[in-house]
Amino acid sequence: MTRASQQAKALQDIRQDASDEELKRRYGYSQAVIQAMRETVSRESCRQAGTLNIDEEGPEF
């Protein structure tokens, strides 16, 4: 699996409510990386809903 496809799969798993432990086991990601990915998914959801709060926006993963 390429790095890009691994990241895409991990993001999909996050959207499907995978636990942090599951993500660590499957992909070997650190807690900081998992948190950044969760924030990315959260921002995507807000954008799709049209409710993005600029004050909450952080660095892109």
Protein backbone atom coordinates (compact mmCIF):
# COMPACT_ATOMS: atom_id res chain seq x y z
CA MET A 1 0.00 0.00 0.00
CA THR A 2 1.41 3.40 -0.93
CA ARG A 3 1.65 6.15 1.65
CA ALA A 4 -1.13 8.15 -0.02
CA SER A 5 -3.49 5.18 -0.21
CA GLN A 6 -2.69 4.30 3.42
CA GLN A 7 -3.55 7.85 4.52
CA ALA A 8 -6.76 7.79 2.48
CA LYS A 9 -7.77 4.48 4.05
CA ALA A 10 -6.95 5.77 7.55
CA LEU A 11 -9.06 8.88 6.98
CA GLN A 12 -11.92 6.69 5.79
CA ASP A 13 -11.55 4.55 8.92
CA ILE A 14 -11.71 7.70 11.04
CA ARG A 15 -14.91 8.77 9.25
CA GLN A 16 -16.29 5.33 10.15
CA ASP A 17 -15.43 5.88 13.85
CA ALA A 18 -12.33 3.69 14.18
CA SER A 19 -10.73 3.91 17.62
CA ASP A 20 -7.29 5.40 18.20
CA GLU A 21 -5.97 1.99 19.24
CA GLU A 22 -7.25 0.44 16.02
CA LEU A 23 -5.57 3.16 13.94
CA LYS A 24 -2.29 2.71 15.84
CA ARG A 25 -2.42 -1.05 15.29
CA ARG A 26 -3.38 -0.91 11.60
CA TYR A 27 -1.21 1.98 10.43
CA GLY A 28 1.41 2.55 13.13
CA TYR A 29 0.46 6.22 13.50
CA SER A 30 1.34 8.17 16.65
CA GLN A 31 -1.35 9.79 18.77
CA ALA A 32 -0.41 13.24 17.42
CA VAL A 33 -0.89 12.08 13.81
CA ILE A 34 -4.22 10.46 14.64
CA GLN A 35 -5.40 13.65 16.36
CA ALA A 36 -4.38 15.76 13.36
CA MET A 37 -6.24 13.41 11.05
CA ARG A 38 -9.34 13.56 13.27
CA GLU A 39 -9.21 17.38 13.18
CA THR A 40 -8.93 17.26 9.38
CA VAL A 41 -12.00 15.03 9.16
CA SER A 42 -13.85 17.33 11.54
CA ARG A 43 -13.05 20.40 9.42
CA GLU A 44 -14.14 18.56 6.27
CA SER A 45 -17.46 17.74 7.92
CA CYS A 46 -17.96 21.35 8.95
CA ARG A 47 -17.17 22.58 5.44
CA GLN A 48 -19.64 20.16 3.93
CA ALA A 49 -22.26 21.31 6.40
CA GLY A 50 -21.39 24.96 5.77
CA THR A 51 -20.61 25.62 9.43
CA LEU A 52 -16.85 26.16 9.43
CA ASN A 53 -15.74 28.24 12.39
CA ILE A 54 -12.60 30.10 11.30
CA ASP A 55 -11.44 30.38 14.93
CA GLU A 56 -11.27 26.57 15.18
CA GLU A 57 -9.32 26.04 11.97
CA GLY A 58 -5.81 24.76 12.53
CA PRO A 59 -3.00 23.46 10.37
CA GLU A 60 -3.89 21.05 7.58
CA PHE A 61 -2.73 17.46 7.94
